[in-house]
């Protein structure tokens, strides 16, 4: 399980992440693709399960609802200060490992500032 902190200064124009819907109300949405121009490239990866956004459980959410959570957090931001959006993900990778290396045990935190 990893916490990825996205520090936003100003307006969020493009997250650059596509999500797949949770398949039922007890599963979580999955990162489908992270675009190369995304500020989260290298931090989130395809196949990561999005467990929480800003400590809000995402079980059962659609990709649209996930995008709305991120949008709401970014919209409530004060343009004069930085806003942090936290993604808690279950991931088969960490910042220095490939997806094929197996699940990372414990919690790891990483941050990206935009």
Protein backbone atom coordinates (compact mmCIF):
# COMPACT_ATOMS: atom_id res chain seq x y z
CA UNK A 1 0.00 0.00 0.00
CA UNK A 2 1.38 3.37 -1.03
CA UNK A 3 0.34 6.93 -0.31
CA UNK A 4 0.95 9.24 -3.27
CA UNK A 5 0.71 12.93 -2.42
CA UNK A 6 -0.13 15.27 -5.29
CA UNK A 7 0.73 18.84 -4.28
CA UNK A 8 -1.17 21.30 -6.42
CA UNK A 9 -0.29 24.97 -6.65
CA UNK A 10 -2.92 26.82 -8.63
CA UNK A 11 -5.44 25.28 -11.02
CA UNK A 12 -5.52 21.63 -12.09
CA UNK A 13 -5.71 21.62 -15.89
CA UNK A 14 -5.02 17.98 -16.61
CA UNK A 15 -4.57 15.01 -14.28
CA UNK A 16 -3.63 12.67 -17.12
CA UNK A 17 -4.88 9.49 -15.44
CA UNK A 18 -7.62 7.16 -16.69
CA UNK A 19 -9.47 4.94 -14.23
CA UNK A 20 -11.55 1.76 -14.59
CA UNK A 21 -14.73 1.41 -12.55
CA UNK A 22 -14.84 -0.81 -9.50
CA UNK A 23 -16.53 -4.03 -10.61
CA UNK A 24 -18.86 -4.11 -7.59
CA UNK A 25 -19.54 -2.14 -4.41
CA UNK A 26 -16.82 -3.92 -2.41
CA UNK A 27 -13.98 -3.58 -4.92
CA UNK A 28 -11.96 -0.49 -5.80
CA UNK A 29 -11.39 1.42 -9.04
CA UNK A 30 -8.16 0.71 -10.89
CA UNK A 31 -5.71 2.98 -12.69
CA UNK A 32 -6.15 2.07 -16.35
CA UNK A 33 -3.50 4.38 -17.80
CA UNK A 34 -1.18 7.18 -16.73
CA UNK A 35 -0.40 9.48 -19.65
CA UNK A 36 3.21 10.50 -20.18
CA UNK A 37 2.37 14.19 -19.61
CA UNK A 38 0.63 13.47 -16.29
CA UNK A 39 2.14 15.00 -13.16
CA UNK A 40 1.57 11.56 -11.61
CA UNK A 41 3.59 9.67 -14.25
CA UNK A 42 6.03 7.45 -12.42
CA UNK A 43 4.01 7.70 -9.20
CA UNK A 44 0.80 5.90 -10.19
CA UNK A 45 0.85 2.98 -12.58
CA UNK A 46 -1.57 0.95 -14.65
CA UNK A 47 -3.10 -1.71 -12.47
CA UNK A 48 -2.86 0.23 -9.19
CA UNK A 49 -6.01 -0.15 -7.08
CA UNK A 50 -7.17 3.24 -5.79
CA UNK A 51 -8.20 2.51 -2.19
CA UNK A 52 -8.75 6.09 -0.99
CA UNK A 53 -8.58 9.67 -2.16
CA UNK A 54 -7.96 12.13 0.67
CA UNK A 55 -8.85 9.38 3.17
CA UNK A 56 -12.23 8.76 1.51
CA UNK A 57 -12.82 5.09 0.67
CA UNK A 58 -13.32 4.54 -3.05
CA UNK A 59 -14.89 1.06 -2.85
CA UNK A 60 -17.64 0.73 -5.46
CA UNK A 61 -16.92 4.04 -7.19
CA UNK A 62 -17.01 4.54 -10.94
CA UNK A 63 -14.19 6.21 -12.83
CA UNK A 64 -16.40 9.30 -13.14
CA UNK A 65 -16.86 9.45 -9.35
CA UNK A 66 -13.10 9.12 -8.84
CA UNK A 67 -12.43 11.99 -11.25
CA UNK A 68 -15.11 14.03 -9.42
CA UNK A 69 -13.39 13.46 -6.05
CA UNK A 70 -10.12 14.73 -7.50
CA UNK A 71 -11.84 17.64 -9.24
CA UNK A 72 -13.67 18.63 -6.03
CA UNK A 73 -10.45 18.58 -4.02
CA UNK A 74 -8.69 20.69 -6.65
CA UNK A 75 -11.65 23.09 -7.00
CA UNK A 76 -11.70 23.76 -3.27
CA UNK A 77 -8.05 24.78 -3.39
CA UNK A 78 -6.98 28.26 -2.42
CA UNK A 79 -4.97 29.55 -5.41
CA UNK A 80 -2.59 31.35 -3.02
CA UNK A 81 -1.58 28.18 -1.16
CA UNK A 82 -0.70 24.61 -2.11
CA UNK A 83 -3.34 21.89 -1.91
CA UNK A 84 -2.46 18.25 -1.31
CA UNK A 85 -4.47 15.41 -2.80
CA UNK A 86 -3.61 12.02 -1.36
CA UNK A 87 -4.08 8.82 -3.35
CA UNK A 88 -3.81 5.61 -1.31
CA UNK A 89 -3.14 2.77 -3.71
CA UNK A 90 -2.49 -0.94 -3.59
CA UNK A 91 0.31 -1.32 -6.05
CA UNK A 92 2.58 -3.95 -7.48
CA UNK A 93 5.28 -1.32 -7.88
CA UNK A 94 7.16 1.27 -5.91
CA UNK A 95 9.22 4.18 -7.15
CA UNK A 96 12.20 1.97 -8.00
CA UNK A 97 10.57 -1.34 -8.93
CA UNK A 98 8.83 -2.75 -11.94
CA UNK A 99 5.31 -4.11 -11.86
CA UNK A 100 6.65 -7.64 -12.22
CA UNK A 101 8.58 -7.45 -8.93
CA UNK A 102 5.53 -8.35 -6.81
CA UNK A 103 3.52 -6.51 -4.20
CA UNK A 104 5.22 -4.00 -1.97
CA UNK A 105 4.61 -4.75 1.69
CA UNK A 106 3.95 -2.00 4.22
CA UNK A 107 3.26 1.64 3.42
CA UNK A 108 5.39 3.89 1.27
CA UNK A 109 4.81 7.61 0.76
CA UNK A 110 5.83 9.59 -2.31
CA UNK A 111 5.01 13.15 -3.37
CA UNK A 112 4.87 15.09 -6.62
CA UNK A 113 4.50 18.87 -6.75
CA UNK A 114 2.92 20.74 -9.65
